[in-house]
Protein backbone atom coordinates (compact mmCIF):
# COMPACT_ATOMS: atom_id res chain seq x y z
CA MET A 1 30.10 -37.13 -33.36
CA GLU A 2 31.51 -40.63 -33.62
CA LYS A 3 29.66 -43.07 -35.89
CA ASP A 4 28.91 -45.62 -33.16
CA THR A 5 27.74 -43.07 -30.58
CA VAL A 6 24.09 -43.37 -29.60
CA THR A 7 22.18 -40.13 -29.03
CA LEU A 8 20.03 -40.46 -25.92
CA PHE A 9 18.34 -37.09 -26.28
CA GLU A 10 18.60 -33.67 -27.88
CA LEU A 11 17.10 -30.55 -26.35
CA ARG A 12 17.16 -26.79 -26.58
CA PRO A 13 16.60 -24.15 -23.91
CA SER A 14 12.93 -23.29 -23.71
CA PHE A 15 11.67 -20.22 -25.53
CA TRP A 16 9.63 -19.53 -22.39
CA GLY A 17 12.93 -19.20 -20.55
CA PHE A 18 12.83 -15.63 -21.88
CA ASN A 19 16.09 -16.05 -23.74
CA ILE A 20 14.98 -16.22 -27.34
CA TRP A 21 18.55 -16.21 -28.70
CA ALA A 22 19.57 -19.23 -26.60
CA SER A 23 16.47 -21.16 -27.60
CA LEU A 24 17.33 -20.67 -31.27
CA SER A 25 21.11 -20.99 -31.13
CA THR A 26 21.87 -23.62 -28.48
CA LYS A 27 21.40 -27.38 -28.61
CA TYR A 28 22.39 -29.94 -25.96
CA ILE A 29 22.89 -33.57 -26.97
CA LEU A 30 23.40 -36.38 -24.48
CA THR A 31 25.13 -39.49 -25.81
CA GLU A 32 26.38 -42.56 -23.99
CA ASP A 33 29.77 -40.94 -23.36
CA TYR A 34 29.44 -37.17 -23.86
CA LEU A 35 27.33 -34.11 -23.29
CA LEU A 36 27.62 -32.15 -26.53
CA ILE A 37 26.93 -28.41 -26.63
CA ASN A 38 26.33 -26.73 -30.00
CA ASN A 39 26.08 -22.91 -29.96
CA GLY A 40 25.48 -20.33 -32.64
CA LEU A 41 23.35 -19.53 -35.64
CA LEU A 42 25.77 -17.86 -38.05
CA SER A 43 29.07 -18.89 -36.52
CA LYS A 44 29.17 -22.17 -34.63
CA GLU A 45 30.92 -23.42 -31.51
CA TYR A 46 30.96 -27.11 -30.62
CA ASN A 47 32.03 -28.44 -27.24
CA ARG A 48 31.81 -31.85 -25.65
CA ILE A 49 32.22 -32.84 -22.05
CA PRO A 50 33.15 -36.45 -21.36
CA LEU A 51 30.56 -37.76 -18.89
CA TYR A 52 33.16 -39.54 -16.80
CA LYS A 53 34.56 -36.09 -15.90
CA VAL A 54 31.28 -34.86 -14.36
CA ALA A 55 31.56 -34.41 -10.59
CA ASP A 56 28.23 -32.83 -9.66
CA ILE A 57 24.83 -31.98 -11.11
CA THR A 58 22.49 -29.42 -9.51
CA VAL A 59 19.05 -28.16 -10.54
CA ARG A 60 17.99 -24.60 -9.73
CA GLN A 61 14.55 -23.18 -10.34
CA SER A 62 13.41 -19.62 -9.80
CA LEU A 63 9.76 -19.02 -8.98
CA LEU A 64 9.09 -17.97 -12.58
CA GLN A 65 10.85 -21.08 -13.92
CA ARG A 66 8.77 -23.28 -11.60
CA LEU A 67 5.59 -21.70 -12.94
CA TYR A 68 6.64 -22.64 -16.49
CA GLY A 69 8.04 -26.08 -15.58
CA LEU A 70 11.63 -25.07 -16.36
CA GLY A 71 14.94 -25.11 -14.53
CA ASP A 72 18.66 -24.57 -14.89
CA ILE A 73 20.96 -27.60 -14.69
CA ILE A 74 24.43 -26.80 -13.37
CA ILE A 75 27.11 -29.35 -14.24
CA ILE A 76 30.47 -29.25 -12.46
CA SER A 77 33.22 -31.25 -14.13
CA SER A 78 36.97 -31.57 -14.44
CA ASP A 79 36.68 -30.58 -18.11
CA VAL A 80 39.25 -27.90 -19.00
CA THR A 81 37.10 -25.75 -21.29
CA GLU A 82 33.78 -26.01 -19.38
CA PRO A 83 34.40 -26.82 -15.71
CA ARG A 84 31.04 -25.22 -14.81
CA LEU A 85 28.31 -25.49 -17.41
CA THR A 86 24.78 -24.19 -16.96
CA LEU A 87 22.04 -25.59 -19.16
CA LYS A 88 19.50 -22.77 -18.93
CA SER A 89 15.71 -22.96 -19.04
CA ILE A 90 15.43 -26.71 -19.53
CA PRO A 91 11.90 -28.18 -19.59
CA ASP A 92 11.39 -30.74 -16.79
CA ALA A 93 14.93 -30.04 -15.49
CA PRO A 94 14.87 -32.50 -12.54
CA LYS A 95 14.02 -35.39 -14.87
CA VAL A 96 16.68 -34.34 -17.41
CA ALA A 97 19.28 -33.96 -14.63
CA ASP A 98 18.43 -37.46 -13.40
CA MET A 99 18.91 -38.86 -16.93
CA ILE A 100 22.29 -37.13 -17.20
CA SER A 101 23.30 -38.38 -13.74
CA LYS A 102 22.46 -41.99 -14.62
CA GLN A 103 24.47 -41.72 -17.83
CA VAL A 104 27.41 -40.22 -15.88
CA ASP A 105 27.37 -43.24 -13.55
CA LEU A 106 27.32 -45.63 -16.52
CA ALA A 107 30.20 -43.77 -18.22
CA LYS A 108 32.28 -43.94 -15.02
CA ARG A 109 31.58 -47.65 -14.59
CA LYS A 110 32.53 -48.23 -18.22
CA ARG A 111 35.91 -46.61 -17.54
CA ARG A 112 36.15 -48.32 -14.13
CA ILE A 113 36.23 -45.05 -12.26
CA ILE A 114 35.38 -45.44 -8.58
CA ILE A 115 32.25 -43.55 -7.57
CA GLU A 116 32.40 -42.39 -3.96
CA GLU A 117 29.22 -41.38 -2.16
CA GLU A 118 29.36 -38.91 0.73
CA GLY A 119 28.43 -40.39 4.08
CA GLY A 120 28.94 -43.96 2.87
CA HIS A 121 30.75 -46.63 4.87
C-alpha cells in the first residue's frame, strides 16, 4: 500500500457466514483510491481494484444472511483480474456497499471521469 494512502476501513467476512476459512484468510481494505483484497493464511494473494474502474455495486442477502445481519456485495468493474468480485458474508452489507459507492464516486471525480446516471436528462 502506498505511504500516503488513507485506509477508510478494514473488514473480514463474518464467521457466521458459515465459511470459516474465508473469515480467517480474507481481508478487504477500502482506501481512498482502491479496494484491496488480501487472501490466504499460509500462501498469500494480494489484489487491488482501482475504485474509478467500478461500474456497479449490488447487495444480495439470502434469508439466512438477513437473519444474521449479513450480505454479499457484488462489485462489477473493468478491472482485468477481478471484473466481478463478491465480498461474501459482510456484516451490515448495505451500509458497507454505500460507503464503497461514495468512495467510487469520489475516486471518479478525482480523475475527472464522467458519471452517467440512468434515466437522467
